[in-house]
Amino acid sequence: MATIKDVAKRAGVSPSTVSRALSGKVPVDKETRERVMEAVRALNYKPNILAKGLKEGRTNTIGLMVPNICNPVFPAVARGVEDVAREHGFTVILCNTDENIEAEKDYVEKLQKRWVDGFIFATAREESQHIFELKEKGFPVVLVVRHMGQAVDAVVIDNYKSSFEAVKYLINTGHRRICIINGDTSLTLYKERFEGYKHALQAAGLPIMPELVLDVAGRDDNGYGAVTAMLKKGILPDAVFATSDPRAIGAIRAIKDCGLSVPGDVSVVGFDDLDISAFLDPPLTTVSQPLYEMGARAARRLIDMINGEKSGQPKVELVEANLVIRKSVKVREH
């Protein structure tokens, strides 16, 4: 592989002149520049981007941490991040943490040693102190999907409001026994979605029934087992609010496997609006998260930080989420 010294020798100039000619930042006379470019083409010289980045103090590389790339929420977010990064000349390194804090810390340490310019975390949780530490050191950090309060920049939806509106819709369509399938309650977003569920019921004067509150995590994160167990105990809600579309899909399957129909016997509302949701039987009514746009906005925010174009206090940006009405909810008599 040709080096800058090889180019300089062929062009009859110094390596520093080659560097100036290629950067375009320092004037070089036309004849010299032409000799340098002819040597570059003849030798098929490729500049060492990493060396250049180290010299300039940056590599135009960002790290993206996701908790589970198999969860269909995160490919959409990652695509938004990557598209914006590419537009601005950045490369994205994707790291799958499997919700393992120690693995995530290891990724962060290794990527910092490789001069990554900043991080986007879709993995934030209460024990993610390493994210605060990065922020305190002045390292560019943006959160997406999840947030950690007002201390770190983030791009999220209003999970409380979105959940409240979804449950309110079920109440307005005549449902009174509304089951919730919630996720890992150590995560802020599921706490907020549960609060929205509770307050929508309370606002309508409806009781919160413990037997209709299903917290799922780990292997049964899709909710199928929890809903099946509930129905086999003879507990029959007239609606299920699932805090993710995969959980809504698990609930629909469980309801049907127990000999009931959706929405005839039990209505179902999801949360995400994944591509598959419109093609289910029945098509799923769900809260639409603009996942691609959230990833894109997080990437723009981070690149602005890296470029020194953002200052001031951290900001948690709320992106609008909407309830998409399809056919998985039946209008019932009050």
Protein backbone atom coordinates (compact mmCIF):
# COMPACT_ATOMS: atom_id res chain seq x y z
CA MET A 1 0.00 0.00 0.00
CA ALA A 2 1.41 3.37 -1.04
CA THR A 3 2.31 5.89 1.68
CA ILE A 4 2.37 9.66 1.67
CA LYS A 5 6.16 9.44 1.38
CA ASP A 6 5.81 7.38 -1.82
CA VAL A 7 3.51 10.04 -3.28
CA ALA A 8 5.93 12.81 -2.27
CA LYS A 9 8.88 11.01 -3.86
CA ARG A 10 7.04 10.44 -7.15
CA ALA A 11 5.79 14.03 -7.29
CA GLY A 12 9.17 15.48 -6.29
CA VAL A 13 7.84 17.34 -3.27
CA SER A 14 7.87 16.97 0.51
CA PRO A 15 5.28 14.86 2.42
CA SER A 16 3.97 18.05 4.04
CA THR A 17 3.31 19.52 0.58
CA VAL A 18 1.35 16.39 -0.35
CA SER A 19 -0.67 16.78 2.84
CA ARG A 20 -1.43 20.42 2.07
CA ALA A 21 -2.40 19.63 -1.51
CA LEU A 22 -4.80 16.89 -0.44
CA SER A 23 -6.40 18.85 2.42
CA GLY A 24 -7.30 21.83 0.25
CA LYS A 25 -7.04 24.02 3.36
CA VAL A 26 -3.66 25.58 2.49
CA PRO A 27 -2.95 27.13 -0.94
CA VAL A 28 -0.63 25.09 -3.18
CA ASP A 29 0.32 26.27 -6.64
CA LYS A 30 -1.54 24.67 -9.51
CA GLU A 31 1.44 22.86 -11.09
CA THR A 32 2.50 21.31 -7.78
CA ARG A 33 -1.03 20.21 -6.99
CA GLU A 34 -1.37 18.57 -10.42
CA ARG A 35 1.90 16.64 -9.90
CA VAL A 36 0.67 15.47 -6.50
CA MET A 37 -2.71 14.35 -7.85
CA GLU A 38 -1.04 12.49 -10.76
CA ALA A 39 1.14 10.64 -8.24
CA VAL A 40 -1.91 9.84 -6.08
CA ARG A 41 -3.72 8.34 -9.08
CA ALA A 42 -0.66 6.43 -10.34
CA LEU A 43 0.05 4.89 -6.94
CA ASN A 44 -3.65 4.45 -5.99
CA TYR A 45 -2.88 6.21 -2.73
CA LYS A 46 -5.53 6.06 0.00
CA PRO A 47 -5.15 8.51 2.90
CA ASN A 48 -5.01 6.94 6.36
CA ILE A 49 -8.31 8.25 7.75
CA LEU A 50 -7.59 7.03 11.29
CA ALA A 51 -4.22 8.78 11.39
CA LYS A 52 -5.81 11.94 10.03
CA GLY A 53 -8.55 11.72 12.63
CA LEU A 54 -6.12 11.26 15.49
CA LYS A 55 -4.14 14.27 14.31
CA GLU A 56 -7.31 16.39 14.20
CA GLY A 57 -8.64 15.00 17.48
CA ARG A 58 -11.65 13.21 15.97
CA THR A 59 -12.49 10.26 13.73
CA ASN A 60 -16.06 11.07 12.58
CA THR A 61 -17.21 7.88 14.28
CA ILE A 62 -20.05 7.48 16.78
CA GLY A 63 -21.05 4.55 18.94
CA LEU A 64 -24.69 3.42 19.11
CA MET A 65 -25.68 1.26 22.07
CA VAL A 66 -28.89 -0.78 21.76
CA PRO A 67 -30.22 -3.25 24.35
CA ASN A 68 -31.44 -5.91 21.92
CA ILE A 69 -31.15 -5.62 18.14
CA CYS A 70 -33.70 -8.46 17.80
CA ASN A 71 -36.33 -6.16 19.30
CA PRO A 72 -37.92 -4.60 16.19
CA VAL A 73 -37.98 -1.15 17.80
CA PHE A 74 -34.22 -0.73 17.58
CA PRO A 75 -33.47 -1.45 13.89
CA ALA A 76 -35.77 1.46 13.01
CA VAL A 77 -33.96 3.74 15.46
CA ALA A 78 -30.56 2.54 14.21
CA ARG A 79 -31.54 3.26 10.61
CA GLY A 80 -32.43 6.85 11.51
CA VAL A 81 -29.10 7.29 13.28
CA GLU A 82 -27.13 5.76 10.42
CA ASP A 83 -28.80 7.73 7.62
CA VAL A 84 -28.13 11.08 9.30
CA ALA A 85 -24.60 10.04 10.28
CA ARG A 86 -23.81 9.10 6.66
CA GLU A 87 -25.15 12.45 5.41
CA HIS A 88 -22.66 14.20 7.68
CA GLY A 89 -19.70 11.95 6.90
CA PHE A 90 -19.87 9.91 10.10
CA THR A 91 -19.60 6.15 10.58
CA VAL A 92 -21.75 4.33 13.16
CA ILE A 93 -20.48 1.44 15.28
CA LEU A 94 -23.45 -0.61 16.55
CA CYS A 95 -23.10 -2.38 19.90
CA ASN A 96 -25.71 -4.84 21.23
CA THR A 97 -25.58 -4.88 25.04
CA ASP A 98 -28.30 -7.44 25.92
CA GLU A 99 -29.22 -5.11 28.83
CA ASN A 100 -25.87 -5.99 30.43
CA ILE A 101 -24.39 -2.92 32.14
CA GLU A 102 -20.90 -4.43 32.43
CA ALA A 103 -20.84 -5.36 28.74
CA GLU A 104 -21.92 -1.83 27.89
CA LYS A 105 -19.18 -0.29 30.04
CA ASP A 106 -16.66 -2.52 28.27
CA TYR A 107 -17.89 -1.33 24.87
CA VAL A 108 -17.64 2.29 25.98
CA GLU A 109 -14.11 1.88 27.30
CA LYS A 110 -12.88 0.15 24.14
CA LEU A 111 -14.54 2.63 21.78
CA GLN A 112 -13.17 5.61 23.68
CA LYS A 113 -9.68 4.18 23.21
CA ARG A 114 -10.40 4.12 19.48
CA TRP A 115 -11.27 7.82 19.50
CA VAL A 116 -15.02 7.53 18.99
CA ASP A 117 -16.35 11.09 18.90
CA GLY A 118 -19.60 10.49 20.82
CA PHE A 119 -22.25 8.00 21.91
CA ILE A 120 -25.98 7.49 21.40
CA PHE A 121 -27.49 5.25 24.07
CA ALA A 122 -30.84 3.49 23.61
CA THR A 123 -30.00 1.51 26.76
CA ALA A 124 -30.32 4.02 29.61
CA ARG A 125 -31.61 2.74 32.95
CA GLU A 126 -31.38 3.81 36.58
CA GLU A 127 -28.03 2.10 37.17
CA SER A 128 -26.36 3.58 34.05
CA GLN A 129 -24.02 5.80 36.05
CA HIS A 130 -21.33 5.52 33.38
CA ILE A 131 -23.51 7.66 31.12
CA PHE A 132 -23.58 10.44 33.73
CA GLU A 133 -19.81 10.11 34.08
CA LEU A 134 -19.31 10.55 30.33
CA LYS A 135 -21.54 13.61 30.38
CA GLU A 136 -19.70 15.13 33.35
CA LYS A 137 -16.39 14.71 31.52
CA GLY A 138 -17.79 16.72 28.61
CA PHE A 139 -18.02 13.74 26.26
CA PRO A 140 -20.83 14.10 23.67
CA VAL A 141 -23.75 11.86 24.70
CA VAL A 142 -27.38 11.68 23.57
CA LEU A 143 -30.07 9.25 24.75
CA VAL A 144 -32.85 7.93 22.53
CA VAL A 145 -36.09 6.03 23.35
CA ARG A 146 -35.15 6.03 27.05
CA HIS A 147 -34.10 8.99 29.19
CA MET A 148 -32.52 9.72 32.57
CA GLY A 149 -34.34 12.88 33.57
CA GLN A 150 -33.14 16.35 32.61
CA ALA A 151 -29.42 15.77 33.20
CA VAL A 152 -28.62 14.20 29.82
CA ASP A 153 -29.77 15.18 26.32
CA ALA A 154 -32.43 12.80 25.02
CA VAL A 155 -34.96 12.27 22.23
CA VAL A 156 -38.06 10.43 23.46
CA ILE A 157 -41.84 10.42 23.32
CA ASP A 158 -44.16 11.37 26.17
CA ASN A 159 -44.79 7.83 27.42
CA TYR A 160 -47.20 8.92 30.13
CA LYS A 161 -49.39 10.95 27.77
CA SER A 162 -49.32 8.29 25.03
CA SER A 163 -50.38 5.57 27.47
CA PHE A 164 -53.07 7.79 29.01
CA GLU A 165 -54.58 8.53 25.58
CA ALA A 166 -54.54 4.87 24.53
CA VAL A 167 -56.36 3.74 27.68
CA LYS A 168 -58.75 6.70 27.45
CA TYR A 169 -59.64 5.55 23.93
CA LEU A 170 -60.47 2.09 25.26
CA ILE A 171 -62.64 3.63 27.98
CA ASN A 172 -64.41 5.88 25.45
CA THR A 173 -65.20 2.82 23.31
CA GLY A 174 -67.01 1.19 26.22
CA HIS A 175 -64.29 -0.90 27.89
CA ARG A 176 -64.22 -1.16 31.66
CA ARG A 177 -62.04 -4.19 32.53
CA ILE A 178 -58.76 -3.14 30.94
CA CYS A 179 -55.72 -5.33 31.41
CA ILE A 180 -52.20 -3.91 31.02
CA ILE A 181 -49.20 -5.96 29.92
CA ASN A 182 -46.25 -3.94 31.17
CA GLY A 183 -42.52 -4.45 30.63
CA ASP A 184 -39.47 -4.19 32.87
CA THR A 185 -40.62 -1.76 35.57
CA SER A 186 -37.03 -0.82 36.41
CA LEU A 187 -37.10 1.18 33.17
CA THR A 188 -38.52 4.69 33.34
CA LEU A 189 -40.56 4.37 30.15
CA TYR A 190 -42.58 1.43 31.53
CA LYS A 191 -43.12 3.22 34.82
CA GLU A 192 -44.47 6.18 32.83
CA ARG A 193 -46.71 3.98 30.69
CA PHE A 194 -48.11 2.33 33.82
CA GLU A 195 -48.77 5.74 35.38
CA GLY A 196 -50.66 6.77 32.25
CA TYR A 197 -52.75 3.59 32.45
CA LYS A 198 -53.58 4.11 36.13
CA HIS A 199 -54.48 7.77 35.79
CA ALA A 200 -56.71 7.17 32.77
CA LEU A 201 -58.69 4.64 34.81
CA GLN A 202 -58.82 6.93 37.83
CA ALA A 203 -59.96 9.88 35.70
CA ALA A 204 -62.88 7.75 34.48
CA GLY A 205 -63.75 6.59 37.99
CA LEU A 206 -62.68 3.01 37.26
CA PRO A 207 -60.85 0.80 39.78
CA ILE A 208 -57.33 -0.52 39.21
CA MET A 209 -57.71 -4.30 39.43
CA PRO A 210 -54.45 -6.02 40.49
CA GLU A 211 -55.43 -9.22 38.66
CA LEU A 212 -55.43 -7.24 35.39
CA VAL A 213 -51.91 -5.84 35.87
CA LEU A 214 -49.41 -8.14 34.18
CA ASP A 215 -45.70 -7.34 34.52
CA VAL A 216 -43.63 -9.39 32.10
CA ALA A 217 -39.89 -9.57 31.56
CA GLY A 218 -37.23 -12.05 30.50
CA ARG A 219 -38.33 -15.11 28.58
CA ASP A 220 -42.03 -14.24 28.64
CA ASP A 221 -41.49 -10.65 27.56
CA ASN A 222 -43.98 -11.13 24.70
CA GLY A 223 -46.84 -11.54 27.18
CA TYR A 224 -48.21 -14.76 25.70
CA GLY A 225 -47.66 -16.84 28.82
CA ALA A 226 -48.97 -14.17 31.20
CA VAL A 227 -52.18 -13.61 29.22
CA THR A 228 -52.74 -17.35 28.80
CA ALA A 229 -52.34 -17.92 32.55
CA MET A 230 -54.75 -15.08 33.33
CA LEU A 231 -57.43 -16.40 30.99
CA LYS A 232 -57.08 -19.97 32.26
CA LYS A 233 -57.78 -18.67 35.78
CA GLY A 234 -61.12 -17.42 34.48
CA ILE A 235 -60.07 -13.76 34.61
CA LEU A 236 -61.53 -12.16 31.49
CA PRO A 237 -60.80 -8.52 30.63
CA ASP A 238 -62.75 -6.81 27.88
CA ALA A 239 -59.56 -5.13 26.63
CA VAL A 240 -55.78 -5.51 26.80
CA PHE A 241 -53.40 -2.56 26.62
CA ALA A 242 -49.96 -3.89 25.74
CA THR A 243 -46.97 -1.60 26.29
CA SER A 244 -45.27 -2.87 23.12
CA ASP A 245 -46.47 -4.31 19.83
CA PRO A 246 -44.68 -7.65 20.40
CA ARG A 247 -46.64 -7.96 23.67
CA ALA A 248 -49.85 -7.09 21.83
CA ILE A 249 -49.08 -9.81 19.28
CA GLY A 250 -48.45 -12.28 22.13
CA ALA A 251 -51.75 -11.25 23.72
CA ILE A 252 -53.71 -11.75 20.47
CA ARG A 253 -52.25 -15.21 20.03
CA ALA A 254 -53.01 -16.14 23.65
CA ILE A 255 -56.60 -14.90 23.37
CA LYS A 256 -57.19 -16.88 20.19
CA ASP A 257 -55.49 -20.01 21.57
CA CYS A 258 -57.92 -19.85 24.50
CA GLY A 259 -60.88 -19.97 22.11
CA LEU A 260 -61.74 -16.28 22.24
CA SER A 261 -61.81 -13.67 19.48
CA VAL A 262 -60.17 -10.29 18.93
CA PRO A 263 -61.88 -7.86 19.12
CA GLY A 264 -65.19 -9.71 19.60
CA ASP A 265 -64.39 -10.94 23.10
CA VAL A 266 -61.29 -8.93 23.96
CA SER A 267 -60.02 -5.73 22.32
CA VAL A 268 -56.25 -5.19 22.06
CA VAL A 269 -54.17 -2.02 21.80
CA GLY A 270 -50.41 -2.04 21.28
CA PHE A 271 -47.55 0.42 21.53
CA ASP A 272 -44.90 1.08 18.80
CA ASP A 273 -46.68 0.78 15.42
CA LEU A 274 -44.17 -1.65 13.97
CA ASP A 275 -44.50 -2.37 10.25
CA ILE A 276 -46.11 -5.75 10.93
CA SER A 277 -48.87 -4.21 13.06
CA ALA A 278 -50.98 -3.14 10.07
CA PHE A 279 -50.91 -6.68 8.66
CA LEU A 280 -52.04 -8.65 11.71
CA ASP A 281 -55.44 -10.32 11.94
CA PRO A 282 -57.05 -8.07 12.98
CA PRO A 283 -54.85 -5.04 12.11
CA LEU A 284 -53.59 -3.61 15.40
CA THR A 285 -54.67 -0.35 16.96
CA THR A 286 -51.46 1.00 18.48
CA VAL A 287 -49.51 4.01 19.66
CA SER A 288 -47.22 5.07 16.82
CA GLN A 289 -43.70 5.93 17.91
CA PRO A 290 -41.74 7.77 15.16
CA LEU A 291 -38.74 5.52 15.75
CA TYR A 292 -36.79 6.41 12.62
CA GLU A 293 -37.27 10.14 13.27
CA MET A 294 -36.18 9.71 16.90
CA GLY A 295 -32.94 8.05 15.77
CA ALA A 296 -32.39 10.76 13.15
CA ARG A 297 -32.92 13.58 15.64
CA ALA A 298 -30.62 11.94 18.18
CA ALA A 299 -27.88 11.69 15.54
CA ARG A 300 -28.29 15.35 14.53
CA ARG A 301 -28.13 16.40 18.17
CA LEU A 302 -24.96 14.39 18.77
CA ILE A 303 -23.23 15.63 15.61
CA ASP A 304 -24.03 19.22 16.61
CA MET A 305 -22.37 18.55 19.96
CA ILE A 306 -19.30 17.02 18.30
CA ASN A 307 -19.04 20.02 15.98
CA GLY A 308 -19.31 22.42 18.91
CA GLU A 309 -22.59 23.84 17.63
CA LYS A 310 -24.65 23.07 20.74
CA SER A 311 -24.23 24.66 24.12
CA GLY A 312 -26.33 25.31 27.19
CA GLN A 313 -28.31 23.00 29.42
CA PRO A 314 -29.22 19.43 28.38
CA LYS A 315 -32.61 19.10 26.74
CA VAL A 316 -35.07 16.21 26.70
CA GLU A 317 -36.83 16.56 23.34
CA LEU A 318 -40.35 15.12 23.17
CA VAL A 319 -41.36 13.78 19.76
CA GLU A 320 -45.07 13.49 19.04
CA ALA A 321 -46.63 10.01 19.20
CA ASN A 322 -50.13 9.28 17.90
CA LEU A 323 -52.74 6.56 18.38
CA VAL A 324 -53.35 4.75 15.08
CA ILE A 325 -56.89 3.34 14.99
CA ARG A 326 -57.30 0.01 13.19
CA LYS A 327 -59.59 -2.98 13.78
CA SER A 328 -58.41 -4.64 16.99
CA VAL A 329 -60.81 -2.61 19.17
CA LYS A 330 -64.56 -3.17 19.30
CA VAL A 331 -66.95 -0.40 20.31
CA ARG A 332 -68.91 -1.81 23.28
CA GLU A 333 -72.07 -0.61 24.95
CA HIS A 334 -71.49 1.31 28.18
